[in-house]
N, C-alpha and C. Protein backbone atom coordinates (compact mmCIF):
# COMPACT_ATOMS: atom_id res chain seq x y z
N MET A 1 -30.24 -15.79 49.10
CA MET A 1 -30.04 -14.59 49.89
C MET A 1 -30.52 -13.39 49.09
N LYS A 2 -31.30 -12.55 49.71
CA LYS A 2 -31.83 -11.36 49.06
C LYS A 2 -30.85 -10.20 49.20
N LYS A 3 -30.62 -9.51 48.09
CA LYS A 3 -29.68 -8.40 48.09
C LYS A 3 -30.41 -7.09 48.30
N ILE A 4 -29.90 -6.30 49.25
CA ILE A 4 -30.42 -4.97 49.54
C ILE A 4 -29.30 -3.98 49.25
N VAL A 5 -29.60 -2.94 48.48
CA VAL A 5 -28.66 -1.85 48.28
C VAL A 5 -29.09 -0.71 49.19
N LEU A 6 -28.21 -0.36 50.11
CA LEU A 6 -28.43 0.72 51.07
C LEU A 6 -27.60 1.92 50.64
N VAL A 7 -28.24 3.07 50.50
CA VAL A 7 -27.52 4.31 50.20
C VAL A 7 -27.73 5.22 51.41
N GLU A 8 -26.70 5.30 52.23
CA GLU A 8 -26.77 5.99 53.53
C GLU A 8 -25.39 6.52 53.87
N ASP A 9 -25.30 7.78 54.29
CA ASP A 9 -24.01 8.36 54.62
C ASP A 9 -23.71 8.34 56.12
N ASP A 10 -24.64 7.91 56.94
CA ASP A 10 -24.44 7.84 58.38
C ASP A 10 -23.92 6.45 58.74
N GLU A 11 -22.70 6.39 59.22
CA GLU A 11 -22.04 5.12 59.51
C GLU A 11 -22.78 4.30 60.57
N ALA A 12 -23.35 4.95 61.57
CA ALA A 12 -24.07 4.23 62.63
C ALA A 12 -25.31 3.54 62.07
N ILE A 13 -26.01 4.20 61.18
CA ILE A 13 -27.20 3.59 60.58
C ILE A 13 -26.80 2.45 59.66
N THR A 14 -25.75 2.64 58.91
CA THR A 14 -25.25 1.56 58.06
C THR A 14 -24.88 0.34 58.91
N ASP A 15 -24.22 0.58 60.03
CA ASP A 15 -23.86 -0.52 60.93
C ASP A 15 -25.11 -1.24 61.44
N ALA A 16 -26.17 -0.49 61.74
CA ALA A 16 -27.42 -1.11 62.20
C ALA A 16 -27.99 -2.03 61.13
N PHE A 17 -27.93 -1.62 59.87
CA PHE A 17 -28.41 -2.46 58.78
C PHE A 17 -27.61 -3.75 58.68
N PHE A 18 -26.30 -3.64 58.83
CA PHE A 18 -25.47 -4.84 58.77
C PHE A 18 -25.76 -5.78 59.95
N LEU A 19 -26.03 -5.21 61.13
CA LEU A 19 -26.39 -6.03 62.28
C LEU A 19 -27.68 -6.80 62.02
N VAL A 20 -28.69 -6.10 61.50
CA VAL A 20 -29.97 -6.75 61.21
C VAL A 20 -29.79 -7.82 60.14
N SER A 21 -28.98 -7.54 59.14
CA SER A 21 -28.81 -8.49 58.04
C SER A 21 -28.18 -9.80 58.50
N GLU A 22 -27.41 -9.75 59.57
CA GLU A 22 -26.78 -10.96 60.09
C GLU A 22 -27.81 -11.96 60.61
N THR A 23 -28.96 -11.47 61.04
CA THR A 23 -30.00 -12.36 61.57
C THR A 23 -31.05 -12.71 60.52
N MET A 24 -30.94 -12.11 59.36
CA MET A 24 -31.90 -12.34 58.28
C MET A 24 -31.16 -12.94 57.08
N ASP A 25 -31.91 -13.30 56.07
CA ASP A 25 -31.31 -13.86 54.86
C ASP A 25 -31.09 -12.73 53.84
N TRP A 26 -30.34 -11.71 54.27
CA TRP A 26 -30.11 -10.54 53.43
C TRP A 26 -28.62 -10.31 53.22
N GLU A 27 -28.29 -9.89 52.03
CA GLU A 27 -26.95 -9.39 51.74
C GLU A 27 -27.09 -7.89 51.55
N VAL A 28 -26.44 -7.12 52.41
CA VAL A 28 -26.53 -5.66 52.31
C VAL A 28 -25.25 -5.14 51.66
N VAL A 29 -25.44 -4.34 50.62
CA VAL A 29 -24.33 -3.64 49.97
C VAL A 29 -24.60 -2.16 50.18
N SER A 30 -23.63 -1.45 50.72
CA SER A 30 -23.88 -0.04 51.05
C SER A 30 -23.03 0.91 50.23
N TYR A 31 -23.63 2.06 49.99
CA TYR A 31 -22.98 3.17 49.31
C TYR A 31 -23.28 4.43 50.10
N THR A 32 -22.38 5.41 50.03
CA THR A 32 -22.61 6.67 50.74
C THR A 32 -23.27 7.72 49.86
N ASN A 33 -23.39 7.44 48.57
CA ASN A 33 -24.09 8.34 47.66
C ASN A 33 -24.69 7.50 46.52
N GLY A 34 -25.45 8.13 45.67
CA GLY A 34 -26.14 7.40 44.62
C GLY A 34 -25.44 7.33 43.28
N GLN A 35 -24.18 7.71 43.22
CA GLN A 35 -23.48 7.78 41.94
C GLN A 35 -23.48 6.45 41.19
N GLU A 36 -23.23 5.35 41.89
CA GLU A 36 -23.21 4.03 41.24
C GLU A 36 -24.55 3.71 40.59
N ILE A 37 -25.61 4.14 41.23
CA ILE A 37 -26.96 3.88 40.70
C ILE A 37 -27.20 4.76 39.48
N PHE A 38 -26.88 6.05 39.59
CA PHE A 38 -27.07 6.95 38.45
C PHE A 38 -26.32 6.48 37.21
N GLU A 39 -25.21 5.84 37.42
CA GLU A 39 -24.41 5.36 36.29
C GLU A 39 -24.78 3.93 35.90
N SER A 40 -25.82 3.38 36.53
CA SER A 40 -26.32 2.03 36.25
C SER A 40 -25.21 0.99 36.31
N ARG A 41 -24.32 1.15 37.29
CA ARG A 41 -23.18 0.24 37.40
C ARG A 41 -23.44 -0.92 38.36
N ILE A 42 -24.62 -0.98 38.94
CA ILE A 42 -24.92 -2.10 39.83
C ILE A 42 -26.10 -2.88 39.26
N GLU A 43 -26.12 -4.16 39.54
CA GLU A 43 -27.24 -4.99 39.13
C GLU A 43 -28.44 -4.66 40.01
N PRO A 44 -29.64 -4.76 39.45
CA PRO A 44 -30.82 -4.48 40.26
C PRO A 44 -30.89 -5.43 41.47
N PRO A 45 -31.03 -4.87 42.66
CA PRO A 45 -31.15 -5.70 43.86
C PRO A 45 -32.59 -6.11 44.10
N GLY A 46 -32.84 -6.75 45.23
CA GLY A 46 -34.20 -7.06 45.63
C GLY A 46 -34.91 -5.86 46.22
N LEU A 47 -34.11 -4.91 46.75
CA LEU A 47 -34.66 -3.72 47.41
C LEU A 47 -33.60 -2.64 47.48
N PHE A 48 -34.04 -1.40 47.26
CA PHE A 48 -33.21 -0.22 47.53
C PHE A 48 -33.70 0.41 48.82
N ILE A 49 -32.78 0.79 49.70
CA ILE A 49 -33.10 1.60 50.87
C ILE A 49 -32.27 2.86 50.76
N LEU A 50 -32.95 3.99 50.69
CA LEU A 50 -32.29 5.27 50.44
C LEU A 50 -32.51 6.25 51.59
N ASP A 51 -31.44 6.86 52.05
CA ASP A 51 -31.56 7.98 52.98
C ASP A 51 -32.08 9.17 52.19
N LYS A 52 -32.97 9.92 52.77
CA LYS A 52 -33.50 11.10 52.08
C LYS A 52 -32.41 12.17 51.92
N ASN A 53 -31.60 12.36 52.94
CA ASN A 53 -30.59 13.42 52.90
C ASN A 53 -29.21 12.83 52.64
N LEU A 54 -28.83 12.87 51.38
CA LEU A 54 -27.54 12.34 50.96
C LEU A 54 -26.64 13.47 50.49
N PRO A 55 -25.34 13.31 50.58
CA PRO A 55 -24.44 14.35 50.07
C PRO A 55 -24.55 14.47 48.55
N GLY A 56 -24.82 15.66 48.10
CA GLY A 56 -24.86 15.92 46.66
C GLY A 56 -26.18 15.64 45.98
N ILE A 57 -27.04 14.84 46.58
CA ILE A 57 -28.33 14.51 45.95
C ILE A 57 -29.35 14.20 47.04
N ASP A 58 -30.55 14.54 46.74
CA ASP A 58 -31.65 14.21 47.63
C ASP A 58 -32.08 12.76 47.34
N GLY A 59 -32.31 11.99 48.38
CA GLY A 59 -32.74 10.60 48.22
C GLY A 59 -34.05 10.48 47.46
N LEU A 60 -34.90 11.50 47.56
CA LEU A 60 -36.16 11.48 46.82
C LEU A 60 -35.91 11.60 45.33
N ASP A 61 -34.93 12.42 44.95
CA ASP A 61 -34.56 12.53 43.53
C ASP A 61 -33.95 11.22 43.03
N LEU A 62 -33.17 10.57 43.87
CA LEU A 62 -32.60 9.28 43.51
C LEU A 62 -33.72 8.25 43.33
N CYS A 63 -34.72 8.30 44.19
CA CYS A 63 -35.87 7.41 44.07
C CYS A 63 -36.60 7.65 42.75
N ARG A 64 -36.82 8.91 42.40
CA ARG A 64 -37.48 9.23 41.12
C ARG A 64 -36.68 8.66 39.95
N PHE A 65 -35.36 8.78 40.02
CA PHE A 65 -34.51 8.23 38.97
C PHE A 65 -34.70 6.72 38.88
N ILE A 66 -34.64 6.04 40.01
CA ILE A 66 -34.78 4.58 40.03
C ILE A 66 -36.11 4.17 39.42
N LYS A 67 -37.17 4.83 39.82
CA LYS A 67 -38.50 4.45 39.36
C LYS A 67 -38.74 4.79 37.89
N SER A 68 -37.92 5.64 37.32
CA SER A 68 -38.09 6.00 35.90
C SER A 68 -37.07 5.30 35.00
N HIS A 69 -36.13 4.60 35.57
CA HIS A 69 -35.05 3.98 34.80
C HIS A 69 -35.41 2.53 34.47
N GLU A 70 -35.28 2.18 33.23
CA GLU A 70 -35.64 0.84 32.76
C GLU A 70 -34.92 -0.26 33.55
N HIS A 71 -33.69 -0.02 33.91
CA HIS A 71 -32.85 -1.02 34.60
C HIS A 71 -33.36 -1.32 36.02
N TYR A 72 -33.96 -0.32 36.68
CA TYR A 72 -34.30 -0.44 38.10
C TYR A 72 -35.78 -0.28 38.43
N LYS A 73 -36.60 0.12 37.49
CA LYS A 73 -37.96 0.59 37.80
C LYS A 73 -38.84 -0.41 38.55
N ASN A 74 -38.55 -1.70 38.47
CA ASN A 74 -39.38 -2.70 39.15
C ASN A 74 -38.87 -3.07 40.54
N VAL A 75 -37.80 -2.42 40.98
CA VAL A 75 -37.22 -2.71 42.29
C VAL A 75 -37.91 -1.82 43.34
N PRO A 76 -38.40 -2.41 44.43
CA PRO A 76 -39.01 -1.59 45.48
C PRO A 76 -37.97 -0.66 46.12
N VAL A 77 -38.47 0.49 46.56
CA VAL A 77 -37.62 1.49 47.20
C VAL A 77 -38.25 1.88 48.54
N VAL A 78 -37.41 1.88 49.59
CA VAL A 78 -37.82 2.35 50.91
C VAL A 78 -36.94 3.55 51.24
N ILE A 79 -37.57 4.65 51.64
CA ILE A 79 -36.85 5.87 52.03
C ILE A 79 -36.77 5.91 53.55
N ILE A 80 -35.60 6.28 54.08
CA ILE A 80 -35.47 6.49 55.51
C ILE A 80 -35.07 7.94 55.75
N SER A 81 -35.68 8.54 56.78
CA SER A 81 -35.40 9.95 57.05
C SER A 81 -35.99 10.36 58.38
N ALA A 82 -35.46 11.43 58.93
CA ALA A 82 -36.03 12.05 60.12
C ALA A 82 -37.03 13.12 59.74
N SER A 83 -37.26 13.32 58.47
CA SER A 83 -38.18 14.35 57.99
C SER A 83 -39.59 14.12 58.53
N THR A 84 -40.22 15.19 58.96
CA THR A 84 -41.56 15.08 59.54
C THR A 84 -42.64 14.85 58.49
N ASN A 85 -42.37 15.14 57.24
CA ASN A 85 -43.38 14.95 56.19
C ASN A 85 -43.05 13.77 55.27
N LEU A 86 -42.31 12.81 55.79
CA LEU A 86 -41.87 11.66 54.99
C LEU A 86 -43.04 10.85 54.44
N ALA A 87 -44.12 10.73 55.21
CA ALA A 87 -45.28 9.96 54.76
C ALA A 87 -45.92 10.58 53.52
N GLN A 88 -45.69 11.86 53.28
CA GLN A 88 -46.22 12.53 52.09
C GLN A 88 -45.19 12.54 50.97
N THR A 89 -43.95 12.90 51.28
CA THR A 89 -42.95 13.09 50.22
C THR A 89 -42.43 11.78 49.63
N ALA A 90 -42.32 10.73 50.45
CA ALA A 90 -41.80 9.46 49.93
C ALA A 90 -42.70 8.88 48.84
N PRO A 91 -44.03 8.77 49.07
CA PRO A 91 -44.89 8.25 48.00
C PRO A 91 -44.92 9.15 46.76
N GLU A 92 -44.83 10.46 46.98
CA GLU A 92 -44.81 11.40 45.85
C GLU A 92 -43.60 11.16 44.95
N ALA A 93 -42.49 10.69 45.55
CA ALA A 93 -41.27 10.41 44.78
C ALA A 93 -41.30 9.02 44.16
N GLY A 94 -42.33 8.24 44.48
CA GLY A 94 -42.45 6.90 43.92
C GLY A 94 -42.00 5.79 44.85
N ALA A 95 -41.63 6.15 46.08
CA ALA A 95 -41.17 5.13 47.04
C ALA A 95 -42.29 4.16 47.38
N ASP A 96 -41.92 2.94 47.58
CA ASP A 96 -42.89 1.91 47.96
C ASP A 96 -43.15 1.92 49.46
N GLY A 97 -42.18 2.40 50.23
CA GLY A 97 -42.33 2.46 51.68
C GLY A 97 -41.37 3.46 52.27
N TRP A 98 -41.47 3.65 53.59
CA TRP A 98 -40.61 4.59 54.28
C TRP A 98 -40.52 4.20 55.74
N VAL A 99 -39.42 4.61 56.37
CA VAL A 99 -39.19 4.40 57.79
C VAL A 99 -38.64 5.70 58.34
N THR A 100 -39.25 6.17 59.42
CA THR A 100 -38.84 7.43 60.04
C THR A 100 -37.73 7.18 61.05
N LYS A 101 -36.67 8.00 60.95
CA LYS A 101 -35.57 7.95 61.92
C LYS A 101 -35.96 8.78 63.14
N PRO A 102 -35.54 8.43 64.32
CA PRO A 102 -34.86 7.18 64.64
C PRO A 102 -35.86 6.03 64.57
N PHE A 103 -35.39 4.88 64.17
CA PHE A 103 -36.28 3.74 64.01
C PHE A 103 -35.84 2.61 64.93
N LYS A 104 -36.78 1.77 65.26
CA LYS A 104 -36.49 0.55 66.01
C LYS A 104 -36.17 -0.54 64.98
N LEU A 105 -35.26 -1.42 65.32
CA LEU A 105 -34.87 -2.47 64.39
C LEU A 105 -36.06 -3.34 63.99
N ALA A 106 -36.99 -3.55 64.91
CA ALA A 106 -38.18 -4.35 64.58
C ALA A 106 -39.00 -3.67 63.48
N ALA A 107 -39.13 -2.35 63.56
CA ALA A 107 -39.89 -1.62 62.53
C ALA A 107 -39.17 -1.69 61.19
N LEU A 108 -37.87 -1.63 61.22
CA LEU A 108 -37.08 -1.73 60.00
C LEU A 108 -37.26 -3.11 59.36
N LYS A 109 -37.14 -4.15 60.17
CA LYS A 109 -37.33 -5.52 59.66
C LYS A 109 -38.72 -5.69 59.06
N GLU A 110 -39.71 -5.14 59.74
CA GLU A 110 -41.09 -5.27 59.27
C GLU A 110 -41.26 -4.60 57.90
N GLU A 111 -40.72 -3.40 57.75
CA GLU A 111 -40.85 -2.68 56.47
C GLU A 111 -40.11 -3.42 55.37
N ILE A 112 -38.91 -3.87 55.64
CA ILE A 112 -38.13 -4.60 54.63
C ILE A 112 -38.84 -5.89 54.26
N GLY A 113 -39.42 -6.55 55.26
CA GLY A 113 -40.12 -7.81 55.02
C GLY A 113 -41.32 -7.69 54.09
N LYS A 114 -41.85 -6.50 53.93
CA LYS A 114 -42.96 -6.28 53.00
C LYS A 114 -42.52 -6.47 51.55
N TYR A 115 -41.23 -6.29 51.29
CA TYR A 115 -40.74 -6.28 49.92
C TYR A 115 -39.82 -7.45 49.58
N ILE A 116 -39.17 -7.99 50.59
CA ILE A 116 -38.36 -9.18 50.36
C ILE A 116 -38.62 -10.15 51.50
N SER A 117 -38.63 -11.42 51.18
CA SER A 117 -38.88 -12.41 52.25
C SER A 117 -37.85 -13.49 52.23
């Protein structure tokens, strides 16, 4: 089972991830902020999925931290956001992929499938 760490403060979106994970071979662990990651208290997962707009920290800054940290730097990161310039800002932060909100579950599965199978 592939482990995905989701950092998302919107409960409805988190629920959608858990629904999708039930039909896939994924274990989703969710957090509402990036504190656990900043403190390197979690084992590197197969994939990070980060909301761009998180309480207290920008998801893009969290992505930059992940990509520069020895513990996590090889883990793919997907950013999710309603931001209109996500296709530009996500790669600039080092993200491997991105999904624009609102998203269809099929698009989410497709993006995740690029990094874990």
